């Protein structure tokens, strides 16, 4: 049995390693908003449990056992987010903190039944893939709007920024999951983007929003 803090470390290392490979102590400290000295103490504990590969000053990576735990936590988090939005009708900007608490429920049977009850959803309310009971992720072909060209069109399918303020902004702009949009103009001056929705409404979004809003073509 791992503690809540240990699980949070494993999950943080997993997310950071997707882009960075080996993860530094300072990266983990920033991610978890804690001191580097506290991170070092925890890394030693996780290494003793054979959940991470850790050599001081050379970065951290998950062992297969550590990765299995991290992916299971992510699975539980995303399933609970889906349940809260789809079944209890919370808004997509409200559910992250609640799922952070519920992801630590240890009962595998409960999570498997939850997955079955919801007919095995493939993505959470923010468009992130939900791993199956064996830890497999479905391949995702989502593209950031900032990488596309004029006349490209698709369906809003995910976000990179999960902050409440960003999700509330998208809700206000009616750029929620499932909305069909097309790119009508990319402004040369600041690389902001003008979108058109299926009902012909024009929406002007900044470069930052375009970097964080994902669509399925």
N, C-alpha and C. Protein backbone atom coordinates (compact mmCIF):
# COMPACT_ATOMS: atom_id res chain seq x y z
N UNK A 1 0.85 -1.20 0.00
CA UNK A 1 0.00 0.00 0.00
C UNK A 1 0.88 1.25 0.00
N UNK A 2 0.59 2.17 -0.90
CA UNK A 2 1.35 3.41 -0.98
C UNK A 2 0.53 4.55 -0.39
N UNK A 3 1.24 5.52 0.17
CA UNK A 3 0.55 6.66 0.76
C UNK A 3 0.04 7.58 -0.33
N UNK A 4 -0.87 8.47 0.06
CA UNK A 4 -1.40 9.46 -0.88
C UNK A 4 -0.27 10.31 -1.46
N UNK A 5 0.66 10.71 -0.61
CA UNK A 5 1.78 11.54 -1.08
C UNK A 5 2.64 10.78 -2.09
N UNK A 6 2.89 9.51 -1.82
CA UNK A 6 3.69 8.71 -2.76
C UNK A 6 2.99 8.59 -4.11
N UNK A 7 1.69 8.38 -4.08
CA UNK A 7 0.94 8.28 -5.33
C UNK A 7 0.99 9.59 -6.11
N UNK A 8 0.90 10.71 -5.40
CA UNK A 8 0.97 12.01 -6.08
C UNK A 8 2.34 12.22 -6.73
N UNK A 9 3.39 11.77 -6.07
CA UNK A 9 4.73 11.88 -6.65
C UNK A 9 4.85 11.03 -7.91
N UNK A 10 4.36 9.80 -7.85
CA UNK A 10 4.45 8.92 -9.01
C UNK A 10 3.68 9.49 -10.19
N UNK A 11 2.49 10.03 -9.92
CA UNK A 11 1.69 10.63 -10.98
C UNK A 11 2.41 11.85 -11.57
N UNK A 12 2.98 12.68 -10.71
CA UNK A 12 3.68 13.87 -11.18
C UNK A 12 4.88 13.49 -12.04
N UNK A 13 5.66 12.50 -11.61
CA UNK A 13 6.82 12.06 -12.38
C UNK A 13 6.37 11.53 -13.74
N UNK A 14 5.27 10.79 -13.76
CA UNK A 14 4.77 10.25 -15.02
C UNK A 14 4.44 11.38 -15.99
N UNK A 15 3.66 12.37 -15.53
CA UNK A 15 3.27 13.47 -16.42
C UNK A 15 4.49 14.25 -16.90
N UNK A 16 5.43 14.53 -16.00
CA UNK A 16 6.62 15.31 -16.37
C UNK A 16 7.50 14.54 -17.35
N UNK A 17 7.55 13.22 -17.21
CA UNK A 17 8.45 12.43 -18.05
C UNK A 17 7.97 12.30 -19.48
N UNK A 18 6.70 12.58 -19.73
CA UNK A 18 6.17 12.47 -21.10
C UNK A 18 6.93 13.39 -22.04
N UNK A 19 7.23 14.61 -21.57
CA UNK A 19 7.94 15.58 -22.40
C UNK A 19 9.44 15.63 -22.12
N UNK A 20 9.83 15.26 -20.88
CA UNK A 20 11.21 15.53 -20.46
C UNK A 20 12.09 14.30 -20.33
N UNK A 21 11.54 13.09 -20.43
CA UNK A 21 12.35 11.91 -20.17
C UNK A 21 12.66 11.83 -18.68
N UNK A 22 13.95 11.77 -18.34
CA UNK A 22 14.31 11.81 -16.93
C UNK A 22 13.90 13.15 -16.33
N UNK A 23 13.39 13.11 -15.12
CA UNK A 23 12.80 14.29 -14.48
C UNK A 23 13.70 14.76 -13.35
N UNK A 24 13.91 16.06 -13.24
CA UNK A 24 14.78 16.60 -12.19
C UNK A 24 14.01 16.84 -10.90
N UNK A 25 14.75 16.93 -9.82
CA UNK A 25 14.16 17.23 -8.51
C UNK A 25 13.44 18.57 -8.54
N UNK A 26 14.03 19.55 -9.20
CA UNK A 26 13.41 20.88 -9.24
C UNK A 26 12.10 20.86 -10.02
N UNK A 27 12.04 20.07 -11.08
CA UNK A 27 10.79 19.95 -11.84
C UNK A 27 9.68 19.36 -10.96
N UNK A 28 10.01 18.35 -10.20
CA UNK A 28 9.03 17.73 -9.32
C UNK A 28 8.60 18.70 -8.24
N UNK A 29 9.55 19.42 -7.67
CA UNK A 29 9.23 20.39 -6.62
C UNK A 29 8.29 21.46 -7.14
N UNK A 30 8.53 21.94 -8.36
CA UNK A 30 7.66 22.97 -8.94
C UNK A 30 6.27 22.40 -9.23
N UNK A 31 6.23 21.18 -9.72
CA UNK A 31 4.94 20.56 -10.04
C UNK A 31 4.08 20.37 -8.81
N UNK A 32 4.71 19.99 -7.69
CA UNK A 32 3.96 19.70 -6.47
C UNK A 32 3.97 20.85 -5.47
N UNK A 33 4.59 21.96 -5.87
CA UNK A 33 4.64 23.16 -5.02
C UNK A 33 5.23 22.83 -3.65
N UNK A 34 6.40 22.21 -3.66
CA UNK A 34 7.06 21.85 -2.42
C UNK A 34 8.55 22.13 -2.54
N UNK A 35 9.30 21.91 -1.45
CA UNK A 35 10.73 22.20 -1.43
C UNK A 35 11.52 21.05 -2.04
N UNK A 36 12.63 21.41 -2.67
CA UNK A 36 13.48 20.39 -3.29
C UNK A 36 14.00 19.40 -2.26
N UNK A 37 14.27 19.86 -1.03
CA UNK A 37 14.75 18.96 0.02
C UNK A 37 13.70 17.91 0.38
N UNK A 38 12.44 18.32 0.38
CA UNK A 38 11.35 17.37 0.66
C UNK A 38 11.23 16.36 -0.47
N UNK A 39 11.43 16.82 -1.68
CA UNK A 39 11.37 15.92 -2.84
C UNK A 39 12.46 14.86 -2.74
N UNK A 40 13.66 15.27 -2.37
CA UNK A 40 14.77 14.32 -2.26
C UNK A 40 14.46 13.22 -1.25
N UNK A 41 13.89 13.58 -0.12
CA UNK A 41 13.53 12.59 0.90
C UNK A 41 12.51 11.59 0.34
N UNK A 42 11.50 12.09 -0.38
CA UNK A 42 10.48 11.20 -0.93
C UNK A 42 11.06 10.30 -2.03
N UNK A 43 11.94 10.84 -2.84
CA UNK A 43 12.53 10.04 -3.91
C UNK A 43 13.32 8.86 -3.34
N UNK A 44 13.97 9.07 -2.23
CA UNK A 44 14.71 7.97 -1.59
C UNK A 44 13.74 6.87 -1.15
N UNK A 45 12.59 7.26 -0.62
CA UNK A 45 11.59 6.29 -0.19
C UNK A 45 11.04 5.50 -1.38
N UNK A 46 10.76 6.22 -2.46
CA UNK A 46 10.22 5.56 -3.66
C UNK A 46 11.26 4.64 -4.29
N UNK A 47 12.52 5.05 -4.24
CA UNK A 47 13.59 4.19 -4.77
C UNK A 47 13.74 2.94 -3.93
N UNK A 48 13.62 3.07 -2.62
CA UNK A 48 13.70 1.91 -1.72
C UNK A 48 12.57 0.92 -2.01
N UNK A 49 11.42 1.41 -2.48
CA UNK A 49 10.29 0.55 -2.83
C UNK A 49 10.37 0.04 -4.28
N UNK A 50 11.45 0.39 -4.96
CA UNK A 50 11.68 -0.01 -6.36
C UNK A 50 10.60 0.54 -7.30
N UNK A 51 10.09 1.75 -6.99
CA UNK A 51 9.08 2.38 -7.83
C UNK A 51 9.68 3.42 -8.78
N UNK A 52 10.90 3.86 -8.50
CA UNK A 52 11.59 4.81 -9.38
C UNK A 52 13.05 4.41 -9.51
N UNK A 53 13.66 4.87 -10.60
CA UNK A 53 15.11 4.81 -10.76
C UNK A 53 15.65 6.19 -10.38
N UNK A 54 16.50 6.23 -9.38
CA UNK A 54 16.94 7.53 -8.87
C UNK A 54 18.42 7.50 -8.54
N UNK A 55 19.15 8.37 -9.23
CA UNK A 55 20.54 8.64 -8.90
C UNK A 55 20.67 10.15 -8.74
N UNK A 56 21.16 10.59 -7.62
CA UNK A 56 21.21 12.03 -7.35
C UNK A 56 21.95 12.76 -8.46
N UNK A 57 21.36 13.90 -8.87
CA UNK A 57 21.88 14.78 -9.92
C UNK A 57 21.73 14.20 -11.33
N UNK A 58 21.13 13.03 -11.47
CA UNK A 58 20.97 12.44 -12.80
C UNK A 58 19.51 12.28 -13.21
N UNK A 59 18.61 12.76 -12.38
CA UNK A 59 17.21 12.71 -12.73
C UNK A 59 16.52 11.43 -12.27
N UNK A 60 15.22 11.39 -12.50
CA UNK A 60 14.37 10.32 -11.99
C UNK A 60 13.55 9.75 -13.14
N UNK A 61 13.35 8.45 -13.13
CA UNK A 61 12.40 7.81 -14.04
C UNK A 61 11.64 6.74 -13.27
N UNK A 62 10.46 6.39 -13.77
CA UNK A 62 9.65 5.37 -13.12
C UNK A 62 10.12 3.97 -13.52
N UNK A 63 10.09 3.04 -12.58
CA UNK A 63 10.25 1.63 -12.92
C UNK A 63 8.93 1.12 -13.49
N UNK A 64 8.90 -0.04 -14.11
CA UNK A 64 7.62 -0.59 -14.57
C UNK A 64 6.57 -0.66 -13.47
N UNK A 65 6.98 -0.99 -12.25
CA UNK A 65 6.02 -1.05 -11.13
C UNK A 65 5.50 0.34 -10.79
N UNK A 66 6.38 1.34 -10.81
CA UNK A 66 5.95 2.70 -10.53
C UNK A 66 5.05 3.26 -11.60
N UNK A 67 5.37 2.94 -12.87
CA UNK A 67 4.53 3.40 -13.97
C UNK A 67 3.15 2.78 -13.91
N UNK A 68 3.07 1.52 -13.53
CA UNK A 68 1.77 0.85 -13.42
C UNK A 68 0.88 1.55 -12.40
N UNK A 69 1.46 1.92 -11.26
CA UNK A 69 0.70 2.63 -10.23
C UNK A 69 0.27 4.00 -10.74
N UNK A 70 1.19 4.73 -11.39
CA UNK A 70 0.88 6.08 -11.87
C UNK A 70 -0.26 6.05 -12.89
N UNK A 71 -0.21 5.11 -13.83
CA UNK A 71 -1.24 5.02 -14.87
C UNK A 71 -2.58 4.65 -14.25
N UNK A 72 -2.57 3.78 -13.23
CA UNK A 72 -3.81 3.42 -12.56
C UNK A 72 -4.44 4.62 -11.86
N UNK A 73 -3.62 5.47 -11.26
CA UNK A 73 -4.13 6.69 -10.61
C UNK A 73 -4.74 7.61 -11.66
N UNK A 74 -4.05 7.76 -12.79
CA UNK A 74 -4.57 8.59 -13.88
C UNK A 74 -5.90 8.04 -14.39
N UNK A 75 -5.98 6.71 -14.53
CA UNK A 75 -7.23 6.08 -14.96
C UNK A 75 -8.37 6.43 -14.00
N UNK A 76 -8.12 6.27 -12.71
CA UNK A 76 -9.16 6.56 -11.72
C UNK A 76 -9.56 8.03 -11.77
N UNK A 77 -8.57 8.92 -11.89
CA UNK A 77 -8.86 10.36 -11.94
C UNK A 77 -9.76 10.70 -13.11
N UNK A 78 -9.43 10.19 -14.28
CA UNK A 78 -10.19 10.55 -15.48
C UNK A 78 -11.57 9.90 -15.50
N UNK A 79 -11.68 8.69 -14.96
CA UNK A 79 -13.00 8.07 -14.85
C UNK A 79 -13.89 8.86 -13.90
N UNK A 80 -13.35 9.30 -12.77
CA UNK A 80 -14.16 10.09 -11.84
C UNK A 80 -14.55 11.43 -12.45
N UNK A 81 -13.66 12.06 -13.20
CA UNK A 81 -14.03 13.31 -13.87
C UNK A 81 -15.17 13.07 -14.84
N UNK A 82 -15.08 12.00 -15.60
CA UNK A 82 -16.16 11.69 -16.55
C UNK A 82 -17.47 11.46 -15.82
N UNK A 83 -17.44 10.72 -14.73
CA UNK A 83 -18.63 10.45 -13.94
C UNK A 83 -19.24 11.74 -13.39
N UNK A 84 -18.40 12.61 -12.87
CA UNK A 84 -18.90 13.86 -12.27
C UNK A 84 -19.55 14.76 -13.31
N UNK A 85 -19.00 14.80 -14.52
CA UNK A 85 -19.56 15.66 -15.57
C UNK A 85 -20.77 15.01 -16.23
N UNK A 86 -20.62 13.76 -16.64
CA UNK A 86 -21.66 13.11 -17.44
C UNK A 86 -22.84 12.62 -16.62
N UNK A 87 -22.59 12.19 -15.39
CA UNK A 87 -23.66 11.61 -14.58
C UNK A 87 -24.18 12.55 -13.51
N UNK A 88 -23.31 13.36 -12.93
CA UNK A 88 -23.75 14.29 -11.88
C UNK A 88 -23.86 15.72 -12.37
N UNK A 89 -23.51 15.96 -13.62
CA UNK A 89 -23.74 17.24 -14.30
C UNK A 89 -22.95 18.41 -13.72
N UNK A 90 -21.78 18.12 -13.16
CA UNK A 90 -20.87 19.21 -12.82
C UNK A 90 -20.29 19.79 -14.11
N UNK A 91 -19.83 21.04 -14.06
CA UNK A 91 -19.16 21.64 -15.21
C UNK A 91 -17.72 21.14 -15.26
N UNK A 92 -17.15 21.19 -16.49
CA UNK A 92 -15.82 20.61 -16.68
C UNK A 92 -14.73 21.36 -15.92
N UNK A 93 -14.99 22.61 -15.49
CA UNK A 93 -13.99 23.33 -14.73
C UNK A 93 -14.10 23.08 -13.23
N UNK A 94 -15.07 22.27 -12.79
CA UNK A 94 -15.31 22.04 -11.37
C UNK A 94 -14.75 20.72 -10.87
N UNK A 95 -14.39 19.81 -11.76
CA UNK A 95 -14.22 18.43 -11.33
C UNK A 95 -12.79 18.00 -11.01
N UNK A 96 -11.81 18.78 -11.39
CA UNK A 96 -10.42 18.34 -11.21
C UNK A 96 -10.09 18.11 -9.74
N UNK A 97 -10.39 19.08 -8.89
CA UNK A 97 -10.02 18.95 -7.48
C UNK A 97 -10.77 17.80 -6.81
N UNK A 98 -12.03 17.60 -7.18
CA UNK A 98 -12.78 16.48 -6.62
C UNK A 98 -12.17 15.15 -7.04
N UNK A 99 -11.80 15.06 -8.31
CA UNK A 99 -11.18 13.82 -8.81
C UNK A 99 -9.82 13.59 -8.18
N UNK A 100 -9.12 14.67 -7.81
CA UNK A 100 -7.83 14.53 -7.13
C UNK A 100 -7.98 13.76 -5.83
N UNK A 101 -9.09 13.96 -5.13
CA UNK A 101 -9.34 13.22 -3.90
C UNK A 101 -9.80 11.80 -4.18
N UNK A 102 -10.68 11.65 -5.16
CA UNK A 102 -11.29 10.34 -5.44
C UNK A 102 -10.33 9.37 -6.13
N UNK A 103 -9.26 9.88 -6.75
CA UNK A 103 -8.33 9.00 -7.45
C UNK A 103 -7.56 8.08 -6.51
N UNK A 104 -7.58 8.39 -5.23
CA UNK A 104 -6.83 7.58 -4.26
C UNK A 104 -7.65 6.46 -3.65
N UNK A 105 -8.92 6.32 -4.07
CA UNK A 105 -9.71 5.17 -3.63
C UNK A 105 -9.05 3.90 -4.16
N UNK A 106 -8.82 2.94 -3.28
CA UNK A 106 -7.98 1.81 -3.66
C UNK A 106 -8.72 0.64 -4.28
N UNK A 107 -10.04 0.58 -4.15
CA UNK A 107 -10.79 -0.59 -4.60
C UNK A 107 -10.77 -0.73 -6.12
N UNK A 108 -10.09 -1.75 -6.61
CA UNK A 108 -10.06 -2.01 -8.05
C UNK A 108 -11.44 -2.42 -8.56
N UNK A 109 -12.16 -3.17 -7.75
CA UNK A 109 -13.50 -3.61 -8.16
C UNK A 109 -14.43 -2.42 -8.36
N UNK A 110 -14.36 -1.44 -7.46
CA UNK A 110 -15.19 -0.25 -7.61
C UNK A 110 -14.89 0.46 -8.92
N UNK A 111 -13.62 0.65 -9.23
CA UNK A 111 -13.24 1.38 -10.44
C UNK A 111 -13.64 0.60 -11.69
N UNK A 112 -13.47 -0.71 -11.67
CA UNK A 112 -13.87 -1.52 -12.82
C UNK A 112 -15.39 -1.45 -13.03
N UNK A 113 -16.14 -1.46 -11.94
CA UNK A 113 -17.60 -1.36 -12.07
C UNK A 113 -18.02 0.03 -12.54
N UNK A 114 -17.30 1.05 -12.07
CA UNK A 114 -17.56 2.41 -12.53
C UNK A 114 -17.33 2.51 -14.03
N UNK A 115 -16.25 1.95 -14.50
CA UNK A 115 -15.91 1.95 -15.93
C UNK A 115 -17.02 1.24 -16.72
N UNK A 116 -17.44 0.10 -16.24
CA UNK A 116 -18.50 -0.66 -16.92
C UNK A 116 -19.82 0.10 -16.90
N UNK A 117 -20.15 0.71 -15.76
CA UNK A 117 -21.40 1.46 -15.62
C UNK A 117 -21.49 2.59 -16.65
N UNK A 118 -20.36 3.20 -16.96
CA UNK A 118 -20.34 4.33 -17.89
C UNK A 118 -20.04 3.88 -19.32
N UNK A 119 -20.06 2.55 -19.55
CA UNK A 119 -19.86 1.98 -20.88
C UNK A 119 -18.47 2.27 -21.43
N UNK A 120 -17.47 2.21 -20.55
CA UNK A 120 -16.06 2.28 -20.92
C UNK A 120 -15.72 3.53 -21.74
N UNK A 121 -15.84 4.71 -21.14
CA UNK A 121 -15.52 5.95 -21.89
C UNK A 121 -14.06 5.97 -22.33
N UNK A 122 -13.82 6.57 -23.48
CA UNK A 122 -12.47 6.63 -24.05
C UNK A 122 -11.70 7.88 -23.64
N UNK A 123 -12.44 8.97 -23.32
CA UNK A 123 -11.78 10.24 -22.99
C UNK A 123 -12.49 10.89 -21.82
N UNK A 124 -11.73 11.65 -21.03
CA UNK A 124 -12.32 12.38 -19.92
C UNK A 124 -12.95 13.68 -20.43
N UNK A 125 -13.58 14.49 -19.58
CA UNK A 125 -14.27 15.70 -20.05
C UNK A 125 -13.36 16.76 -20.66
N UNK A 126 -12.04 16.60 -20.52
CA UNK A 126 -11.10 17.55 -21.10
C UNK A 126 -10.43 17.00 -22.35
N UNK A 127 -10.90 15.81 -22.79
CA UNK A 127 -10.35 15.23 -24.00
C UNK A 127 -9.16 14.32 -23.80
N UNK A 128 -8.75 14.11 -22.53
CA UNK A 128 -7.60 13.26 -22.27
C UNK A 128 -8.01 11.79 -22.36
N UNK A 129 -7.17 10.93 -22.96
CA UNK A 129 -7.51 9.52 -23.07
C UNK A 129 -7.53 8.83 -21.71
N UNK A 130 -8.49 7.94 -21.52
CA UNK A 130 -8.61 7.18 -20.28
C UNK A 130 -7.99 5.80 -20.51
N UNK A 131 -6.95 5.45 -19.76
CA UNK A 131 -6.36 4.11 -19.95
C UNK A 131 -7.34 3.02 -19.52
N UNK A 132 -7.25 1.86 -20.16
CA UNK A 132 -8.14 0.77 -19.78
C UNK A 132 -7.60 0.05 -18.55
N UNK A 133 -8.24 -1.03 -18.16
CA UNK A 133 -7.86 -1.72 -16.93
C UNK A 133 -6.47 -2.34 -17.01
N UNK A 134 -5.93 -2.47 -18.22
CA UNK A 134 -4.58 -2.99 -18.41
C UNK A 134 -3.54 -1.89 -18.60
N UNK A 135 -3.99 -0.64 -18.44
CA UNK A 135 -3.06 0.49 -18.54
C UNK A 135 -2.78 0.95 -19.95
N UNK A 136 -3.57 0.49 -20.91
CA UNK A 136 -3.35 0.90 -22.31
C UNK A 136 -4.14 2.16 -22.63
N UNK A 137 -3.46 3.10 -23.30
CA UNK A 137 -4.10 4.32 -23.75
C UNK A 137 -4.50 4.17 -25.22
N UNK A 138 -5.64 4.72 -25.58
CA UNK A 138 -6.01 4.79 -26.99
C UNK A 138 -5.21 5.90 -27.67
N UNK A 139 -4.75 5.65 -28.86
CA UNK A 139 -4.01 6.66 -29.60
C UNK A 139 -4.89 7.87 -29.87
N UNK A 140 -4.31 9.05 -29.74
CA UNK A 140 -5.07 10.27 -29.97
C UNK A 140 -4.40 11.09 -31.06
N UNK A 141 -5.20 11.62 -31.98
CA UNK A 141 -4.67 12.40 -33.10
C UNK A 141 -5.11 13.87 -32.99
N UNK A 142 -5.20 14.37 -31.78
CA UNK A 142 -5.66 15.74 -31.60
C UNK A 142 -4.55 16.72 -31.98
N UNK A 143 -4.95 17.86 -32.54
CA UNK A 143 -4.01 18.88 -32.97
C UNK A 143 -4.32 20.21 -32.29
N UNK A 144 -3.29 20.91 -31.85
CA UNK A 144 -3.49 22.26 -31.34
C UNK A 144 -3.87 23.18 -32.49
N UNK A 145 -4.79 24.09 -32.26
CA UNK A 145 -5.23 25.00 -33.31
C UNK A 145 -4.05 25.80 -33.86
N UNK A 146 -3.08 26.11 -32.99
CA UNK A 146 -1.93 26.92 -33.42
C UNK A 146 -1.07 26.21 -34.47
N UNK A 147 -1.23 24.89 -34.63
CA UNK A 147 -0.42 24.15 -35.61
C UNK A 147 -1.12 24.00 -36.96
N UNK A 148 -2.33 24.54 -37.07
CA UNK A 148 -3.13 24.33 -38.26
C UNK A 148 -3.12 25.55 -39.18
N UNK A 149 -3.77 25.42 -40.30
CA UNK A 149 -3.78 26.47 -41.32
C UNK A 149 -5.20 26.95 -41.58
N UNK A 150 -5.30 28.07 -42.28
CA UNK A 150 -6.60 28.60 -42.68
C UNK A 150 -7.36 27.54 -43.49
N UNK A 151 -8.65 27.46 -43.22
CA UNK A 151 -9.58 26.51 -43.85
C UNK A 151 -9.56 25.11 -43.22
N UNK A 152 -8.60 24.84 -42.31
CA UNK A 152 -8.70 23.60 -41.55
C UNK A 152 -9.94 23.65 -40.67
N UNK A 153 -10.60 22.53 -40.52
CA UNK A 153 -11.78 22.49 -39.66
C UNK A 153 -11.81 21.18 -38.88
N UNK A 154 -12.55 21.17 -37.79
CA UNK A 154 -12.63 19.99 -36.96
C UNK A 154 -13.54 20.22 -35.78
N UNK A 155 -13.41 19.35 -34.79
CA UNK A 155 -14.27 19.38 -33.61
C UNK A 155 -13.43 19.58 -32.37
N UNK A 156 -13.82 20.52 -31.52
CA UNK A 156 -13.12 20.73 -30.25
C UNK A 156 -13.13 19.41 -29.47
N UNK A 157 -11.92 18.92 -29.11
CA UNK A 157 -11.84 17.58 -28.53
C UNK A 157 -10.93 17.49 -27.31
N UNK A 158 -10.28 18.59 -26.93
CA UNK A 158 -9.41 18.50 -25.76
C UNK A 158 -8.72 19.81 -25.46
N UNK A 159 -8.04 19.83 -24.32
CA UNK A 159 -7.29 21.02 -23.89
C UNK A 159 -5.96 20.59 -23.31
N UNK A 160 -4.99 21.48 -23.39
CA UNK A 160 -3.72 21.26 -22.70
C UNK A 160 -3.71 21.93 -21.33
N UNK A 161 -4.39 23.03 -21.21
CA UNK A 161 -4.48 23.79 -19.96
C UNK A 161 -5.77 23.37 -19.25
N UNK A 162 -5.65 22.78 -18.07
CA UNK A 162 -6.83 22.29 -17.34
C UNK A 162 -7.26 23.26 -16.24
N UNK A 163 -6.69 24.46 -16.20
CA UNK A 163 -7.03 25.40 -15.14
C UNK A 163 -8.49 25.84 -15.25
N UNK A 164 -9.08 26.14 -14.10
CA UNK A 164 -10.48 26.57 -14.08
C UNK A 164 -10.68 27.82 -14.90
N UNK A 165 -9.73 28.76 -14.83
CA UNK A 165 -9.90 30.02 -15.55
C UNK A 165 -9.93 29.80 -17.06
N UNK A 166 -9.10 28.88 -17.56
CA UNK A 166 -9.09 28.60 -18.99
C UNK A 166 -10.38 27.90 -19.41
N UNK A 167 -10.82 26.93 -18.64
CA UNK A 167 -12.04 26.19 -18.98
C UNK A 167 -13.26 27.10 -18.92
N UNK A 168 -13.27 28.01 -17.95
CA UNK A 168 -14.38 28.97 -17.86
C UNK A 168 -14.38 29.91 -19.06
N UNK A 169 -13.18 30.31 -19.51
CA UNK A 169 -13.07 31.16 -20.71
C UNK A 169 -13.65 30.43 -21.92
N UNK A 170 -13.28 29.17 -22.09
CA UNK A 170 -13.79 28.41 -23.23
C UNK A 170 -15.30 28.25 -23.15
N UNK A 171 -15.81 28.03 -21.95
CA UNK A 171 -17.26 27.89 -21.79
C UNK A 171 -17.96 29.18 -22.20
N UNK A 172 -17.38 30.31 -21.79
CA UNK A 172 -17.97 31.62 -22.13
C UNK A 172 -17.96 31.84 -23.64
N UNK A 173 -16.91 31.36 -24.30
CA UNK A 173 -16.80 31.51 -25.75
C UNK A 173 -17.56 30.42 -26.51
N UNK A 174 -18.14 29.49 -25.76
CA UNK A 174 -18.86 28.35 -26.34
C UNK A 174 -17.93 27.47 -27.18
N UNK A 175 -16.70 27.33 -26.70
CA UNK A 175 -15.72 26.45 -27.34
C UNK A 175 -15.55 25.21 -26.48
N UNK A 176 -16.62 24.50 -26.28
CA UNK A 176 -16.61 23.30 -25.46
C UNK A 176 -16.51 22.05 -26.33
N UNK A 177 -16.29 20.91 -25.67
CA UNK A 177 -16.09 19.66 -26.41
C UNK A 177 -17.26 19.38 -27.33
N UNK A 178 -16.94 18.97 -28.55
CA UNK A 178 -17.97 18.63 -29.52
C UNK A 178 -18.36 19.75 -30.46
N UNK A 179 -17.91 20.98 -30.17
CA UNK A 179 -18.23 22.11 -31.05
C UNK A 179 -17.42 22.03 -32.34
N UNK A 180 -18.08 22.19 -33.47
CA UNK A 180 -17.41 22.17 -34.76
C UNK A 180 -16.96 23.57 -35.13
N UNK A 181 -15.70 23.69 -35.52
CA UNK A 181 -15.14 25.01 -35.84
C UNK A 181 -14.27 24.90 -37.09
N UNK A 182 -14.05 26.05 -37.72
CA UNK A 182 -13.10 26.14 -38.84
C UNK A 182 -12.25 27.38 -38.65
N UNK A 183 -11.04 27.33 -39.17
CA UNK A 183 -10.11 28.45 -39.06
C UNK A 183 -10.28 29.34 -40.29
N UNK A 184 -10.68 30.57 -40.07
CA UNK A 184 -10.92 31.48 -41.20
C UNK A 184 -9.78 32.47 -41.42
N UNK A 185 -9.01 32.74 -40.36
CA UNK A 185 -7.91 33.71 -40.53
C UNK A 185 -6.89 33.52 -39.42
N UNK A 186 -5.61 33.67 -39.76
CA UNK A 186 -4.53 33.72 -38.77
C UNK A 186 -3.91 35.10 -38.90
N UNK A 187 -4.00 35.88 -37.84
CA UNK A 187 -3.56 37.28 -37.87
C UNK A 187 -2.04 37.33 -37.85
N UNK A 188 -1.45 37.92 -38.88
CA UNK A 188 0.00 37.92 -39.02
C UNK A 188 0.69 38.65 -37.87
N UNK A 189 0.10 39.74 -37.38
CA UNK A 189 0.75 40.58 -36.38
C UNK A 189 1.04 39.81 -35.09
N UNK A 190 0.05 39.11 -34.54
CA UNK A 190 0.24 38.46 -33.24
C UNK A 190 -0.08 36.96 -33.26
N UNK A 191 -0.33 36.43 -34.45
CA UNK A 191 -0.63 35.00 -34.62
C UNK A 191 -1.88 34.56 -33.85
N UNK A 192 -2.74 35.51 -33.57
CA UNK A 192 -4.04 35.13 -33.03
C UNK A 192 -4.86 34.51 -34.16
N UNK A 193 -5.96 33.88 -33.80
CA UNK A 193 -6.71 33.08 -34.78
C UNK A 193 -8.19 33.47 -34.74
N UNK A 194 -8.78 33.59 -35.91
CA UNK A 194 -10.22 33.82 -36.00
C UNK A 194 -10.89 32.52 -36.42
N UNK A 195 -11.83 32.08 -35.60
CA UNK A 195 -12.55 30.84 -35.84
C UNK A 195 -13.98 31.14 -36.26
N UNK A 196 -14.58 30.20 -36.94
CA UNK A 196 -16.01 30.28 -37.24
C UNK A 196 -16.68 29.00 -36.77
N UNK A 197 -17.76 29.15 -36.04
CA UNK A 197 -18.49 27.98 -35.56
C UNK A 197 -19.49 27.53 -36.62
N UNK A 198 -20.11 26.39 -36.37
CA UNK A 198 -21.05 25.84 -37.35
C UNK A 198 -22.27 26.72 -37.56
N UNK A 199 -22.58 27.59 -36.57
CA UNK A 199 -23.70 28.51 -36.76
C UNK A 199 -23.24 29.88 -37.25
N UNK A 200 -22.00 29.92 -37.82
CA UNK A 200 -21.43 31.10 -38.49
C UNK A 200 -20.98 32.20 -37.53
N UNK A 201 -20.90 31.89 -36.25
CA UNK A 201 -20.40 32.88 -35.30
C UNK A 201 -18.87 32.95 -35.40
N UNK A 202 -18.30 34.17 -35.38
CA UNK A 202 -16.85 34.34 -35.41
C UNK A 202 -16.32 34.54 -34.00
N UNK A 203 -15.21 33.87 -33.69
CA UNK A 203 -14.57 33.98 -32.38
C UNK A 203 -13.09 34.25 -32.60
N UNK A 204 -12.58 35.30 -31.97
CA UNK A 204 -11.17 35.68 -32.09
C UNK A 204 -10.44 35.19 -30.84
N UNK A 205 -9.47 34.28 -31.01
CA UNK A 205 -8.74 33.75 -29.86
C UNK A 205 -7.26 34.11 -29.97
N UNK A 206 -6.61 34.23 -28.83
CA UNK A 206 -5.20 34.59 -28.79
C UNK A 206 -4.32 33.39 -29.18
N UNK A 207 -3.05 33.67 -29.42
CA UNK A 207 -2.08 32.62 -29.73
C UNK A 207 -2.01 31.61 -28.58
N UNK A 208 -2.06 32.12 -27.34
CA UNK A 208 -1.98 31.22 -26.18
C UNK A 208 -3.17 30.27 -26.13
N UNK A 209 -4.35 30.80 -26.39
CA UNK A 209 -5.54 29.94 -26.42
C UNK A 209 -5.40 28.91 -27.53
N UNK A 210 -4.92 29.34 -28.69
CA UNK A 210 -4.75 28.43 -29.83
C UNK A 210 -3.75 27.32 -29.52
N UNK A 211 -2.75 27.62 -28.70
CA UNK A 211 -1.77 26.60 -28.29
C UNK A 211 -2.39 25.56 -27.37
N UNK A 212 -3.41 25.94 -26.63
CA UNK A 212 -3.96 25.07 -25.58
C UNK A 212 -5.29 24.43 -25.93
N UNK A 213 -5.86 24.77 -27.09
CA UNK A 213 -7.13 24.20 -27.49
C UNK A 213 -6.88 23.18 -28.61
N UNK A 214 -7.37 21.96 -28.40
CA UNK A 214 -7.09 20.85 -29.32
C UNK A 214 -8.36 20.46 -30.08
N UNK A 215 -8.17 20.13 -31.36
CA UNK A 215 -9.31 19.68 -32.15
C UNK A 215 -8.99 18.36 -32.85
N UNK A 216 -10.05 17.63 -33.12
CA UNK A 216 -9.95 16.42 -33.94
C UNK A 216 -10.36 16.79 -35.35
N UNK A 217 -9.50 16.52 -36.30
CA UNK A 217 -9.75 16.91 -37.70
C UNK A 217 -10.72 15.93 -38.36
